């Protein structure tokens, strides 16, 4: 879509907060920026699904097994929990 077609589209139906006159006198660059931000998340792949829930821990306490950590971290945790 060329810039004049884009301008006509928005003059026919101005976005909320804009008047036809503002669209008419808007620079090409500003018009392209506005179009980008109005359509940024209209892609089928963007925000079309619910976010995955954060898994709840199976038991209270640590979220990891101490033996899954590096040896230095294991020693640090052991020294802090004595």
N, C-alpha and C. Protein backbone atom coordinates (compact mmCIF):
# COMPACT_ATOMS: atom_id res chain seq x y z
N UNK A 1 0.85 -1.17 0.00
CA UNK A 1 0.00 0.00 0.00
C UNK A 1 0.90 1.24 0.00
N UNK A 2 0.64 2.15 -0.93
CA UNK A 2 1.46 3.37 -0.98
C UNK A 2 0.98 4.38 0.05
N UNK A 3 1.76 5.42 0.24
CA UNK A 3 1.50 6.38 1.31
C UNK A 3 0.19 7.13 1.10
N UNK A 4 -0.16 7.44 -0.16
CA UNK A 4 -1.42 8.16 -0.41
C UNK A 4 -2.63 7.28 -0.11
N UNK A 5 -2.54 6.00 -0.43
CA UNK A 5 -3.64 5.07 -0.10
C UNK A 5 -3.78 4.94 1.41
N UNK A 6 -2.66 4.89 2.08
CA UNK A 6 -2.67 4.79 3.54
C UNK A 6 -3.29 6.05 4.15
N UNK A 7 -2.92 7.20 3.62
CA UNK A 7 -3.47 8.46 4.11
C UNK A 7 -4.99 8.50 3.89
N UNK A 8 -5.43 8.07 2.71
CA UNK A 8 -6.88 8.05 2.42
C UNK A 8 -7.61 7.09 3.35
N UNK A 9 -7.01 5.95 3.63
CA UNK A 9 -7.61 4.97 4.54
C UNK A 9 -7.86 5.59 5.91
N UNK A 10 -6.85 6.29 6.44
CA UNK A 10 -6.99 6.87 7.78
C UNK A 10 -7.83 8.15 7.78
N UNK A 11 -7.92 8.84 6.65
CA UNK A 11 -8.79 10.01 6.59
C UNK A 11 -10.26 9.57 6.54
N UNK A 12 -10.53 8.44 5.90
CA UNK A 12 -11.90 7.91 5.83
C UNK A 12 -12.37 7.43 7.20
N UNK A 13 -11.43 6.90 7.99
CA UNK A 13 -11.76 6.38 9.31
C UNK A 13 -10.59 6.66 10.25
N UNK A 14 -10.52 7.89 10.76
CA UNK A 14 -9.38 8.26 11.61
C UNK A 14 -9.32 7.43 12.89
N UNK A 15 -8.12 7.05 13.31
CA UNK A 15 -7.98 6.33 14.58
C UNK A 15 -8.44 7.22 15.74
N UNK A 16 -8.81 6.60 16.83
CA UNK A 16 -9.25 7.34 18.01
C UNK A 16 -8.19 8.36 18.42
N UNK A 17 -8.63 9.59 18.65
CA UNK A 17 -7.71 10.64 19.08
C UNK A 17 -7.16 11.48 17.94
N UNK A 18 -7.49 11.13 16.69
CA UNK A 18 -7.02 11.88 15.53
C UNK A 18 -8.21 12.41 14.75
N UNK A 19 -8.00 13.56 14.09
CA UNK A 19 -9.03 14.10 13.21
C UNK A 19 -8.59 13.90 11.76
N UNK A 20 -9.54 14.05 10.84
CA UNK A 20 -9.20 13.94 9.41
C UNK A 20 -8.16 14.99 9.03
N UNK A 21 -8.30 16.17 9.61
CA UNK A 21 -7.38 17.26 9.29
C UNK A 21 -5.95 16.94 9.77
N UNK A 22 -5.83 16.32 10.96
CA UNK A 22 -4.50 15.93 11.46
C UNK A 22 -3.87 14.90 10.53
N UNK A 23 -4.65 13.93 10.09
CA UNK A 23 -4.14 12.90 9.18
C UNK A 23 -3.71 13.54 7.86
N UNK A 24 -4.52 14.48 7.37
CA UNK A 24 -4.23 15.14 6.10
C UNK A 24 -2.89 15.88 6.14
N UNK A 25 -2.58 16.50 7.28
CA UNK A 25 -1.36 17.32 7.39
C UNK A 25 -0.18 16.58 8.03
N UNK A 26 -0.36 15.32 8.33
CA UNK A 26 0.69 14.52 8.95
C UNK A 26 1.80 14.23 7.92
N UNK A 27 3.04 14.27 8.38
CA UNK A 27 4.15 13.94 7.47
C UNK A 27 4.07 12.46 7.10
N UNK A 28 4.67 12.12 5.97
CA UNK A 28 4.67 10.72 5.54
C UNK A 28 5.29 9.82 6.60
N UNK A 29 6.37 10.31 7.19
CA UNK A 29 7.06 9.53 8.23
C UNK A 29 6.16 9.29 9.44
N UNK A 30 5.47 10.35 9.89
CA UNK A 30 4.56 10.21 11.03
C UNK A 30 3.41 9.27 10.71
N UNK A 31 2.91 9.35 9.49
CA UNK A 31 1.81 8.47 9.07
C UNK A 31 2.25 7.00 9.08
N UNK A 32 3.44 6.74 8.57
CA UNK A 32 3.97 5.38 8.57
C UNK A 32 4.21 4.87 9.99
N UNK A 33 4.72 5.75 10.87
CA UNK A 33 4.91 5.37 12.27
C UNK A 33 3.58 5.04 12.94
N UNK A 34 2.57 5.88 12.71
CA UNK A 34 1.26 5.64 13.30
C UNK A 34 0.70 4.30 12.81
N UNK A 35 0.82 4.05 11.51
CA UNK A 35 0.33 2.80 10.95
C UNK A 35 1.04 1.60 11.57
N UNK A 36 2.34 1.71 11.75
CA UNK A 36 3.11 0.63 12.36
C UNK A 36 2.60 0.32 13.77
N UNK A 37 2.45 1.36 14.59
CA UNK A 37 2.04 1.15 15.98
C UNK A 37 0.59 0.69 16.10
N UNK A 38 -0.26 1.12 15.18
CA UNK A 38 -1.65 0.66 15.21
C UNK A 38 -1.77 -0.81 14.81
N UNK A 39 -0.81 -1.29 14.02
CA UNK A 39 -0.90 -2.65 13.51
C UNK A 39 0.18 -3.58 14.04
N UNK A 40 0.94 -3.13 15.02
CA UNK A 40 2.09 -3.89 15.52
C UNK A 40 1.70 -5.29 15.98
N UNK A 41 0.56 -5.45 16.66
CA UNK A 41 0.18 -6.74 17.21
C UNK A 41 -0.99 -7.38 16.45
N UNK A 42 -1.23 -6.97 15.22
CA UNK A 42 -2.31 -7.56 14.45
C UNK A 42 -1.87 -8.78 13.65
N UNK A 43 -0.63 -9.17 13.79
CA UNK A 43 -0.13 -10.38 13.14
C UNK A 43 -0.76 -11.60 13.81
N UNK A 44 -1.12 -12.60 13.03
CA UNK A 44 -1.76 -13.80 13.58
C UNK A 44 -0.90 -14.49 14.63
N UNK A 45 0.39 -14.30 14.58
CA UNK A 45 1.28 -14.99 15.52
C UNK A 45 1.50 -14.22 16.82
N UNK A 46 1.04 -12.98 16.88
CA UNK A 46 1.29 -12.14 18.05
C UNK A 46 0.09 -12.13 18.99
N UNK A 47 0.29 -12.56 20.22
CA UNK A 47 -0.70 -12.43 21.28
C UNK A 47 -2.04 -13.06 20.95
N UNK A 48 -2.03 -14.13 20.16
CA UNK A 48 -3.30 -14.76 19.82
C UNK A 48 -3.62 -15.94 20.73
N UNK A 49 -2.89 -16.10 21.79
CA UNK A 49 -3.13 -17.20 22.69
C UNK A 49 -2.87 -16.75 24.13
N UNK A 50 -3.44 -17.51 25.03
CA UNK A 50 -3.21 -17.21 26.45
C UNK A 50 -1.78 -17.59 26.81
N UNK A 51 -1.13 -16.81 27.66
CA UNK A 51 0.21 -17.20 28.08
C UNK A 51 0.15 -18.49 28.89
N UNK A 52 1.21 -19.26 28.80
CA UNK A 52 1.26 -20.50 29.57
C UNK A 52 1.37 -20.17 31.05
N UNK A 53 0.64 -20.91 31.87
CA UNK A 53 0.71 -20.62 33.31
C UNK A 53 2.08 -20.98 33.88
N UNK A 54 2.46 -20.27 34.92
CA UNK A 54 3.72 -20.57 35.60
C UNK A 54 3.48 -21.83 36.43
N UNK A 55 4.31 -22.85 36.25
CA UNK A 55 4.08 -24.08 37.01
C UNK A 55 4.25 -23.87 38.50
N UNK A 56 3.38 -24.49 39.26
CA UNK A 56 3.46 -24.40 40.72
C UNK A 56 4.42 -25.47 41.22
N UNK A 57 5.16 -25.17 42.26
CA UNK A 57 6.07 -26.19 42.81
C UNK A 57 5.28 -27.38 43.33
N UNK A 58 5.85 -28.57 43.19
CA UNK A 58 5.17 -29.78 43.64
C UNK A 58 5.15 -29.89 45.15
N UNK A 59 6.12 -29.29 45.78
CA UNK A 59 6.15 -29.32 47.24
C UNK A 59 6.74 -28.01 47.74
N UNK A 60 6.49 -27.71 48.98
CA UNK A 60 7.03 -26.48 49.54
C UNK A 60 8.54 -26.60 49.68
N UNK A 61 9.20 -25.47 49.63
CA UNK A 61 10.65 -25.48 49.80
C UNK A 61 11.34 -25.12 48.49
N UNK A 62 12.43 -25.78 48.24
CA UNK A 62 13.27 -25.46 47.09
C UNK A 62 12.58 -25.82 45.78
N UNK A 63 12.94 -25.10 44.73
CA UNK A 63 12.41 -25.35 43.40
C UNK A 63 13.37 -26.22 42.58
N UNK A 64 14.38 -26.73 43.21
CA UNK A 64 15.38 -27.52 42.51
C UNK A 64 15.93 -28.57 43.46
N UNK A 65 16.59 -29.55 42.89
CA UNK A 65 17.27 -30.55 43.71
C UNK A 65 18.71 -30.10 43.87
N UNK A 66 19.21 -30.19 45.08
CA UNK A 66 20.55 -29.70 45.36
C UNK A 66 21.61 -30.43 44.53
N UNK A 67 21.36 -31.71 44.22
CA UNK A 67 22.36 -32.45 43.44
C UNK A 67 22.36 -32.05 41.96
N UNK A 68 21.42 -31.17 41.53
CA UNK A 68 21.42 -30.66 40.16
C UNK A 68 22.32 -29.43 40.01
N UNK A 69 22.80 -28.91 41.14
CA UNK A 69 23.64 -27.72 41.12
C UNK A 69 25.11 -28.08 40.98
N UNK A 70 25.91 -27.10 40.62
CA UNK A 70 27.36 -27.33 40.53
C UNK A 70 27.89 -27.57 41.95
N UNK A 71 29.02 -28.25 42.06
CA UNK A 71 29.57 -28.55 43.38
C UNK A 71 29.79 -27.32 44.26
N UNK A 72 30.24 -26.21 43.70
CA UNK A 72 30.48 -25.01 44.49
C UNK A 72 29.17 -24.48 45.08
N UNK A 73 28.10 -24.51 44.28
CA UNK A 73 26.79 -24.05 44.78
C UNK A 73 26.26 -25.00 45.84
N UNK A 74 26.47 -26.29 45.65
CA UNK A 74 26.03 -27.27 46.65
C UNK A 74 26.69 -26.98 48.00
N UNK A 75 27.99 -26.73 47.97
CA UNK A 75 28.74 -26.43 49.22
C UNK A 75 28.24 -25.14 49.85
N UNK A 76 27.98 -24.13 49.05
CA UNK A 76 27.50 -22.86 49.57
C UNK A 76 26.15 -23.04 50.27
N UNK A 77 25.24 -23.76 49.63
CA UNK A 77 23.93 -23.98 50.23
C UNK A 77 24.05 -24.81 51.51
N UNK A 78 24.85 -25.82 51.46
CA UNK A 78 25.03 -26.66 52.66
C UNK A 78 25.59 -25.84 53.81
N UNK A 79 26.52 -24.93 53.52
CA UNK A 79 27.13 -24.13 54.59
C UNK A 79 26.12 -23.11 55.16
N UNK A 80 25.20 -22.65 54.33
CA UNK A 80 24.22 -21.65 54.78
C UNK A 80 23.04 -22.30 55.53
N UNK A 81 22.82 -23.58 55.32
CA UNK A 81 21.65 -24.23 55.94
C UNK A 81 22.01 -25.01 57.19
N UNK A 82 23.26 -24.93 57.63
CA UNK A 82 23.66 -25.66 58.84
C UNK A 82 23.30 -24.89 60.07
